Amino acid sequence: MQRASTERQISALCITSLRAQIEPPLPNTISPKIERPCHHRQVRSGQKPRLCGQHRFRSCIDLAGIHLLDSEGFRLLFDLLELRPGRRRAHEWEYRMKSSAVTVVGLGQMGAALVPPFLRAGEDVTVWNRSPQKAEPLVAAGARLAADVKDAISSSDLIIVCLADYATSDRLLRDEMLSATLRGKTVVQLTTGTGAEARDAAAWAHDAGVTYLDGAIMDYPTMVGSPECMLLISGAKEVYDQYSTRLGVLGGRLTYAGPQSSAANVLDGGLLTMYYGNALSFMQSSAMLMAEGIDAGQLEHALQTFMPVITATYKRSADAIQKRDYSGNEASVQVHTIGVQSLLSRAEQDGIEHRMLKLFADYLNETLARGHKDAELPAVFELFSPK
């Protein structure tokens, strides 16, 4: 009884909040009393409240009277329901929340992948692409195709840009005809570029009265919208905090890279360098194993067990590079040089492509020549260090 009484009080407060957050206003005939729980949704102790499928996209006019919604239930209602105006039956109405709208500019393979997660989240999505036919499947899914860039930008306060390069983006957004339309909007730039391009874009945005975030998508298009997808976002922390929930639908690993506008792009470059180095090394290793009649699948399995050694090497290297202290007693550059030369000889003997191993050996030999014989492997960083 005490629980039911508490939930009645909570729901009475929530229905007042609901009236204030939807348009048109709810009729005053809605009663804040709860007489019985919704038979489509049960609230049980210890369970996370959830909305039933039947009421995911509508609200009854007698909402407070027949739905046992606790405060979390109402929060989910605000977040998830598409409530549209229009009388359905004598006792039932639908209302539309004040719109949450987003525009996606650029519908290449990655740009098009950004649209479905926003649609699933209940956003009003407007799309634009130079080749409008690319928008057809997205329009069929619920997006609206803008007539031109100005129409696209006018449609939303949040503008997501994902184009081939910053030069293409600059030609579109820095058009004087769009300056008034863009002022006061928020642009999230997900185009691949350099740190310098990101800084230049942020400076332009500041002068144009545009709120700006820069970002990078660290996964394949098919993974966008999944819990595993990683996105990097950089820019003012308060702007990131304002939009992180909405941007979070694009990937469960949304990561704030820092306040510098260039941070996401630079970190993207660092991670991709690691990605290509690791991927190409896996291919080199697979070829060497297959030359000896060992399946590449065994390498993938063994790699999982070996991963802690690799992770520890990354950590030790990061610490050593930050301190510029390469001393240690694990394995010297001399020892690593002997090891890589052995791998190179093995690949040569088996007739395997070995230019990458030759590059590794050259790096180690040059590090030795610079006097780092007794230093640890991170001493190779001095070859790459900015002058």
Protein backbone atom coordinates (compact mmCIF):
# COMPACT_ATOMS: atom_id res chain seq x y z
CA MET A 1 0.00 0.00 0.00
CA GLN A 2 2.81 2.40 0.86
CA ARG A 3 4.49 1.70 -2.53
CA ALA A 4 1.26 2.31 -4.43
CA SER A 5 0.66 5.55 -2.53
CA THR A 6 4.17 6.77 -3.28
CA GLU A 7 3.79 5.96 -6.97
CA ARG A 8 0.47 7.84 -7.08
CA GLN A 9 2.22 10.90 -5.67
CA ILE A 10 5.12 10.56 -8.11
CA SER A 11 2.79 10.15 -11.06
CA ALA A 12 0.69 13.15 -10.02
CA LEU A 13 3.87 15.24 -10.16
CA CYS A 14 4.95 13.65 -13.44
CA ILE A 15 1.64 14.33 -15.17
CA THR A 16 2.09 18.03 -14.36
CA SER A 17 5.55 17.84 -15.93
CA LEU A 18 4.12 16.00 -18.92
CA ARG A 19 1.57 18.76 -19.53
CA ALA A 20 4.40 21.31 -19.63
CA GLN A 21 6.56 19.33 -22.06
CA ILE A 22 4.16 18.46 -24.86
CA GLU A 23 2.32 20.45 -27.44
CA PRO A 24 -0.58 21.05 -27.63
CA PRO A 25 -1.16 21.07 -23.84
CA LEU A 26 -2.89 18.06 -22.35
CA PRO A 27 -6.58 18.62 -21.57
CA ASN A 28 -7.34 19.35 -17.94
CA THR A 29 -9.59 16.30 -17.86
CA ILE A 30 -6.57 14.11 -17.23
CA SER A 31 -6.81 12.88 -13.70
CA PRO A 32 -3.65 12.60 -11.58
CA LYS A 33 -5.22 9.67 -9.73
CA ILE A 34 -4.06 6.14 -10.37
CA GLU A 35 -6.83 3.61 -9.97
CA ARG A 36 -5.26 0.51 -11.48
CA PRO A 37 -2.00 -0.50 -13.17
CA CYS A 38 -1.70 -0.75 -16.94
CA HIS A 39 -2.29 -4.38 -17.88
CA HIS A 40 0.29 -4.01 -20.66
CA ARG A 41 3.12 -3.17 -18.27
CA GLN A 42 3.82 -4.35 -14.77
CA VAL A 43 6.17 -2.66 -12.31
CA ARG A 44 7.79 -5.24 -10.08
CA SER A 45 10.22 -4.60 -7.30
CA GLY A 46 13.81 -4.88 -8.45
CA GLN A 47 12.98 -4.74 -12.15
CA LYS A 48 13.99 -1.92 -14.46
CA PRO A 49 10.82 -0.11 -15.57
CA ARG A 50 10.06 -0.51 -19.27
CA LEU A 51 7.39 0.60 -21.70
CA CYS A 52 5.09 -1.98 -23.22
CA GLY A 53 5.09 -2.37 -26.99
CA GLN A 54 1.48 -1.26 -27.34
CA HIS A 55 2.14 2.10 -25.72
CA ARG A 56 5.58 2.78 -27.17
CA PHE A 57 4.16 5.26 -29.67
CA ARG A 58 1.06 6.67 -28.01
CA SER A 59 -0.42 8.01 -24.80
CA CYS A 60 -3.98 7.59 -23.55
CA ILE A 61 -5.90 10.69 -22.49
CA ASP A 62 -6.51 8.94 -19.19
CA LEU A 63 -2.77 8.28 -18.88
CA ALA A 64 -2.44 9.05 -15.20
CA GLY A 65 -5.63 7.18 -14.39
CA ILE A 66 -4.83 3.83 -15.94
CA HIS A 67 -1.02 3.59 -16.17
CA LEU A 68 1.06 2.83 -13.15
CA LEU A 69 4.14 4.79 -14.20
CA ASP A 70 6.85 5.51 -11.66
CA SER A 71 9.32 8.35 -12.19
CA GLU A 72 11.60 6.17 -14.35
CA GLY A 73 8.62 5.13 -16.43
CA PHE A 74 7.74 8.73 -17.14
CA ARG A 75 11.36 9.49 -18.00
CA LEU A 76 11.28 6.67 -20.53
CA LEU A 77 8.01 8.01 -21.84
CA PHE A 78 9.52 11.43 -22.43
CA ASP A 79 12.61 9.90 -24.05
CA LEU A 80 11.05 7.25 -26.25
CA LEU A 81 7.45 8.01 -27.21
CA GLU A 82 6.38 9.63 -30.45
CA LEU A 83 3.19 11.39 -29.24
CA ARG A 84 1.27 12.90 -32.15
CA PRO A 85 -1.75 15.26 -32.02
CA GLY A 86 -5.02 13.82 -33.28
CA ARG A 87 -8.08 12.20 -31.78
CA ARG A 88 -8.16 8.41 -32.16
CA ARG A 89 -11.10 7.36 -30.00
CA ALA A 90 -13.36 9.07 -27.52
CA HIS A 91 -11.03 8.37 -24.62
CA GLU A 92 -7.67 8.34 -26.37
CA TRP A 93 -5.44 11.08 -27.84
CA GLU A 94 -1.91 11.23 -29.15
CA TYR A 95 0.43 14.13 -28.61
CA ARG A 96 3.73 15.09 -30.10
CA MET A 97 6.63 16.02 -27.87
CA LYS A 98 8.50 19.23 -28.68
CA SER A 99 10.59 17.98 -31.59
CA SER A 100 14.13 16.71 -31.33
CA ALA A 101 15.50 17.15 -34.83
CA VAL A 102 18.80 16.34 -36.49
CA THR A 103 20.14 16.88 -40.01
CA VAL A 104 22.70 14.59 -41.63
CA VAL A 105 24.68 16.13 -44.48
CA GLY A 106 26.46 13.57 -46.65
CA LEU A 107 25.08 10.12 -47.42
CA GLY A 108 28.13 8.15 -48.40
CA GLN A 109 28.52 4.72 -46.86
CA MET A 110 29.32 6.13 -43.43
CA GLY A 111 26.99 9.11 -43.56
CA ALA A 112 24.03 6.93 -44.52
CA ALA A 113 24.82 4.62 -41.58
CA LEU A 114 24.32 7.53 -39.16
CA VAL A 115 20.65 7.98 -40.05
CA PRO A 116 18.94 4.75 -38.82
CA PRO A 117 20.12 5.09 -35.19
CA PHE A 118 18.64 8.60 -35.01
CA LEU A 119 15.39 7.36 -36.53
CA ARG A 120 15.22 4.51 -34.01
CA ALA A 121 15.73 7.05 -31.22
CA GLY A 122 12.65 8.97 -32.38
CA GLU A 123 14.50 11.95 -33.86
CA ASP A 124 13.06 13.89 -36.78
CA VAL A 125 15.83 13.30 -39.30
CA THR A 126 16.45 15.46 -42.36
CA VAL A 127 19.04 14.30 -44.88
CA TRP A 128 20.84 15.90 -47.80
CA ASN A 129 23.24 14.54 -50.37
CA ARG A 130 24.50 15.88 -53.67
CA SER A 131 23.17 12.68 -55.30
CA PRO A 132 19.59 12.52 -53.94
CA GLN A 133 19.02 8.91 -55.02
CA LYS A 134 21.25 7.81 -52.14
CA ALA A 135 18.58 9.10 -49.77
CA GLU A 136 15.79 6.88 -51.12
CA PRO A 137 16.14 3.96 -48.64
CA LEU A 138 16.49 6.43 -45.76
CA VAL A 139 13.39 8.35 -46.81
CA ALA A 140 11.56 5.03 -46.99
CA ALA A 141 12.69 4.41 -43.40
CA GLY A 142 11.30 7.74 -42.19
CA ALA A 143 13.86 10.45 -42.96
CA ARG A 144 13.01 13.61 -44.90
CA LEU A 145 15.05 14.58 -47.95
CA ALA A 146 15.88 18.29 -47.99
CA ALA A 147 15.56 20.20 -51.23
CA ASP A 148 18.98 21.80 -50.79
CA VAL A 149 21.64 22.46 -48.17
CA LYS A 150 19.87 25.55 -46.85
CA ASP A 151 16.66 23.57 -46.37
CA ALA A 152 18.63 20.83 -44.59
CA ILE A 153 20.29 23.25 -42.18
CA SER A 154 17.07 25.15 -41.54
CA SER A 155 15.33 21.96 -40.48
CA SER A 156 17.36 21.21 -37.35
CA ASP A 157 19.48 22.78 -34.66
CA LEU A 158 21.88 19.81 -34.67
CA ILE A 159 23.76 19.32 -37.95
CA ILE A 160 25.86 16.18 -38.49
CA VAL A 161 28.36 16.47 -41.35
CA CYS A 162 30.02 13.39 -42.85
CA LEU A 163 31.61 14.11 -46.22
CA ALA A 164 34.62 13.01 -48.24
CA ASP A 165 36.94 15.68 -46.82
CA TYR A 166 37.03 19.06 -45.10
CA ALA A 167 37.45 20.88 -48.40
CA THR A 168 34.07 19.58 -49.55
CA SER A 169 32.52 20.50 -46.21
CA ASP A 170 34.02 24.00 -46.34
CA ARG A 171 32.61 24.64 -49.80
CA LEU A 172 29.14 23.74 -48.56
CA LEU A 173 29.00 25.33 -45.13
CA ARG A 174 31.05 28.48 -45.69
CA ASP A 175 28.78 29.76 -48.43
CA GLU A 176 27.78 33.33 -47.56
CA MET A 177 24.18 32.46 -48.46
CA LEU A 178 24.11 30.07 -45.48
CA SER A 179 25.69 32.30 -42.84
CA ALA A 180 22.40 33.54 -41.36
CA THR A 181 20.87 30.06 -41.49
CA LEU A 182 23.82 28.48 -39.68
CA ARG A 183 24.08 31.08 -36.92
CA GLY A 184 23.02 29.58 -33.60
CA LYS A 185 23.16 25.98 -34.87
CA THR A 186 25.42 23.19 -33.64
CA VAL A 187 27.63 21.44 -36.19
CA VAL A 188 29.19 18.05 -35.40
CA GLN A 189 31.90 17.40 -37.99
CA LEU A 190 32.49 13.68 -38.53
CA THR A 191 34.49 14.09 -41.74
CA THR A 192 37.97 12.54 -41.73
CA GLY A 193 40.72 15.13 -41.78
CA THR A 194 43.74 16.52 -39.97
CA GLY A 195 44.16 18.35 -36.70
CA ALA A 196 44.92 21.55 -38.59
CA GLU A 197 41.69 21.23 -40.59
CA ALA A 198 39.72 20.69 -37.39
CA ARG A 199 41.25 23.78 -35.77
CA ASP A 200 40.49 25.84 -38.86
CA ALA A 201 36.89 24.60 -38.89
CA ALA A 202 36.46 25.45 -35.20
CA ALA A 203 37.81 28.96 -35.79
CA TRP A 204 35.41 29.46 -38.70
CA ALA A 205 32.51 28.20 -36.58
CA HIS A 206 33.36 30.60 -33.77
CA ASP A 207 33.41 33.57 -36.13
CA ALA A 208 30.17 32.42 -37.78
CA GLY A 209 28.29 32.07 -34.48
CA VAL A 210 28.11 28.29 -34.85
CA THR A 211 28.60 25.86 -31.95
CA TYR A 212 31.12 23.26 -33.06
CA LEU A 213 32.19 19.75 -32.16
CA ASP A 214 34.66 17.68 -34.13
CA GLY A 215 34.60 13.91 -34.19
CA ALA A 216 35.64 10.62 -35.72
CA ILE A 217 33.88 7.28 -36.13
CA MET A 218 36.21 4.46 -35.15
CA ASP A 219 34.37 1.54 -36.71
CA TYR A 220 32.85 0.23 -39.92
CA PRO A 221 29.47 1.55 -41.17
CA THR A 222 27.72 -1.72 -40.32
CA MET A 223 28.65 -1.24 -36.65
CA VAL A 224 27.27 2.30 -36.30
CA GLY A 225 24.49 2.34 -33.73
CA SER A 226 25.76 -0.76 -31.93
CA PRO A 227 26.97 -0.87 -28.31
CA GLU A 228 30.46 -1.74 -29.60
CA CYS A 229 30.84 1.23 -31.96
CA MET A 230 33.37 3.83 -30.83
CA LEU A 231 33.11 7.52 -31.64
CA LEU A 232 35.53 10.24 -30.61
CA ILE A 233 34.20 13.75 -29.97
CA SER A 234 36.24 16.84 -29.12
CA GLY A 235 35.40 20.45 -28.37
CA ALA A 236 33.99 22.42 -25.47
CA LYS A 237 33.02 20.04 -22.65
CA GLU A 238 29.74 21.82 -21.96
CA VAL A 239 28.70 21.38 -25.60
CA TYR A 240 29.69 17.71 -25.52
CA ASP A 241 27.67 17.22 -22.33
CA GLN A 242 24.66 18.91 -23.94
CA TYR A 243 24.62 16.55 -26.92
CA SER A 244 26.28 13.37 -25.61
CA THR A 245 22.98 11.56 -24.99
CA ARG A 246 21.73 12.23 -28.50
CA LEU A 247 25.07 11.43 -30.12
CA GLY A 248 25.32 8.32 -27.96
CA VAL A 249 22.75 6.54 -30.15
CA LEU A 250 25.47 6.30 -32.81
CA GLY A 251 27.63 4.04 -30.66
CA GLY A 252 27.88 2.71 -27.16
CA ARG A 253 31.51 3.76 -26.88
CA LEU A 254 31.09 7.49 -27.37
CA THR A 255 34.31 9.00 -26.00
CA TYR A 256 35.16 12.58 -25.14
CA ALA A 257 38.65 13.22 -26.54
CA GLY A 258 39.25 16.63 -24.97
CA PRO A 259 38.53 20.35 -25.30
CA GLN A 260 40.92 20.94 -28.22
CA SER A 261 38.95 20.91 -31.46
CA SER A 262 41.71 18.84 -33.08
CA ALA A 263 41.83 16.13 -30.38
CA ALA A 264 39.37 13.70 -31.99
CA ASN A 265 41.06 13.91 -35.40
CA VAL A 266 44.55 13.49 -33.99
CA LEU A 267 43.52 10.57 -31.78
CA ASP A 268 41.71 9.06 -34.76
CA GLY A 269 44.98 9.19 -36.69
CA GLY A 270 46.88 7.57 -33.86
CA LEU A 271 44.37 4.75 -33.48
CA LEU A 272 44.23 4.15 -37.22
CA THR A 273 48.02 3.96 -37.37
CA MET A 274 47.82 1.27 -34.69
CA TYR A 275 45.01 -0.43 -36.58
CA TYR A 276 46.91 -0.64 -39.86
CA GLY A 277 50.15 -1.66 -38.18
CA ASN A 278 48.43 -4.48 -36.30
CA ALA A 279 46.29 -5.60 -39.24
CA LEU A 280 49.21 -5.74 -41.67
CA SER A 281 51.36 -7.50 -39.08
CA PHE A 282 48.61 -10.12 -38.68
CA MET A 283 48.66 -10.70 -42.45
CA GLN A 284 52.47 -11.00 -42.46
CA SER A 285 52.33 -13.47 -39.58
CA SER A 286 49.53 -15.49 -41.20
CA ALA A 287 51.57 -15.89 -44.38
CA MET A 288 54.57 -17.10 -42.40
CA LEU A 289 52.46 -19.66 -40.53
CA MET A 290 50.72 -20.92 -43.65
CA ALA A 291 54.11 -21.43 -45.31
CA GLU A 292 54.75 -23.98 -42.56
CA GLY A 293 51.34 -25.62 -42.91
CA ILE A 294 49.78 -23.94 -39.86
CA ASP A 295 46.29 -22.47 -40.19
CA ALA A 296 45.91 -18.71 -39.65
CA GLY A 297 43.02 -19.43 -37.28
CA GLN A 298 45.53 -20.80 -34.79
CA LEU A 299 47.29 -17.43 -34.80
CA GLU A 300 44.03 -15.64 -34.00
CA HIS A 301 43.38 -18.04 -31.11
CA ALA A 302 46.92 -17.72 -29.73
CA LEU A 303 46.76 -13.95 -30.04
CA GLN A 304 44.01 -13.80 -27.44
CA THR A 305 46.31 -15.45 -24.91
CA PHE A 306 49.28 -13.31 -25.96
CA MET A 307 47.31 -10.05 -25.76
CA PRO A 308 48.28 -9.22 -22.13
CA VAL A 309 51.94 -9.11 -23.22
CA ILE A 310 51.09 -6.68 -26.02
CA THR A 311 48.97 -4.53 -23.72
CA ALA A 312 51.76 -4.41 -21.13
CA THR A 313 54.19 -3.32 -23.87
CA TYR A 314 51.86 -0.45 -24.83
CA LYS A 315 51.66 0.69 -21.22
CA ARG A 316 55.41 0.51 -20.61
CA SER A 317 56.06 2.31 -23.88
CA ALA A 318 53.62 5.13 -23.04
CA ASP A 319 55.25 5.62 -19.64
CA ALA A 320 58.77 5.56 -21.10
CA ILE A 321 57.90 8.00 -23.91
CA GLN A 322 56.30 10.48 -21.52
CA LYS A 323 59.37 10.41 -19.28
CA ARG A 324 61.87 10.01 -22.14
CA ASP A 325 63.41 7.30 -19.97
CA TYR A 326 64.09 4.07 -21.87
CA SER A 327 66.06 2.23 -19.21
CA GLY A 328 64.97 -1.20 -18.00
CA ASN A 329 65.98 -4.80 -17.54
CA GLU A 330 63.40 -6.72 -19.60
CA ALA A 331 64.87 -6.81 -23.13
CA SER A 332 67.30 -4.35 -24.71
CA VAL A 333 67.17 -2.94 -28.22
CA GLN A 334 70.10 -5.28 -28.99
CA VAL A 335 67.99 -8.31 -28.00
CA HIS A 336 65.02 -7.11 -30.05
CA THR A 337 67.29 -6.55 -33.05
CA ILE A 338 68.43 -10.18 -32.95
CA GLY A 339 64.79 -11.32 -32.66
CA VAL A 340 63.55 -9.30 -35.65
CA GLN A 341 66.55 -10.39 -37.76
CA SER A 342 65.59 -14.01 -37.05
CA LEU A 343 62.02 -13.35 -38.26
CA LEU A 344 63.35 -11.63 -41.37
CA SER A 345 65.63 -14.57 -42.21
CA ARG A 346 62.77 -17.02 -41.71
CA ALA A 347 60.50 -15.09 -44.10
CA GLU A 348 63.27 -14.83 -46.72
CA GLN A 349 63.92 -18.58 -46.56
CA ASP A 350 60.21 -19.38 -47.01
CA GLY A 351 59.85 -16.96 -49.91
CA ILE A 352 57.42 -14.76 -47.98
CA GLU A 353 56.97 -11.02 -48.59
CA HIS A 354 59.20 -9.46 -45.93
CA ARG A 355 59.56 -5.72 -46.61
CA MET A 356 57.71 -4.89 -43.40
CA LEU A 357 60.08 -7.03 -41.33
CA LYS A 358 62.99 -5.38 -43.14
CA LEU A 359 61.58 -2.00 -42.10
CA PHE A 360 61.40 -3.19 -38.47
CA ALA A 361 65.00 -4.34 -38.63
CA ASP A 362 66.10 -1.01 -40.13
CA TYR A 363 64.42 0.92 -37.32
CA LEU A 364 66.15 -1.19 -34.68
CA ASN A 365 69.55 -0.96 -36.37
CA GLU A 366 69.27 2.83 -36.60
CA THR A 367 68.30 2.98 -32.91
CA LEU A 368 71.42 0.97 -32.08
CA ALA A 369 73.52 3.34 -34.20
CA ARG A 370 72.22 6.25 -32.13
CA GLY A 371 73.70 4.70 -28.99
CA HIS A 372 70.64 2.99 -27.47
CA LYS A 373 72.09 -0.51 -27.36
CA ASP A 374 71.18 -1.14 -23.71
CA ALA A 375 67.90 0.77 -23.76
CA GLU A 376 64.50 -0.88 -23.94
CA LEU A 377 62.37 -1.12 -27.10
CA PRO A 378 60.57 2.26 -26.55
CA ALA A 379 63.89 3.96 -27.40
CA VAL A 380 62.89 3.47 -31.06
CA PHE A 381 60.46 6.34 -30.46
CA GLU A 382 63.38 8.75 -30.84
CA LEU A 383 63.34 7.98 -34.58
CA PHE A 384 59.74 9.20 -34.79
CA SER A 385 59.91 12.00 -32.25
CA PRO A 386 58.91 15.46 -33.55
CA LYS A 387 61.99 17.55 -34.14
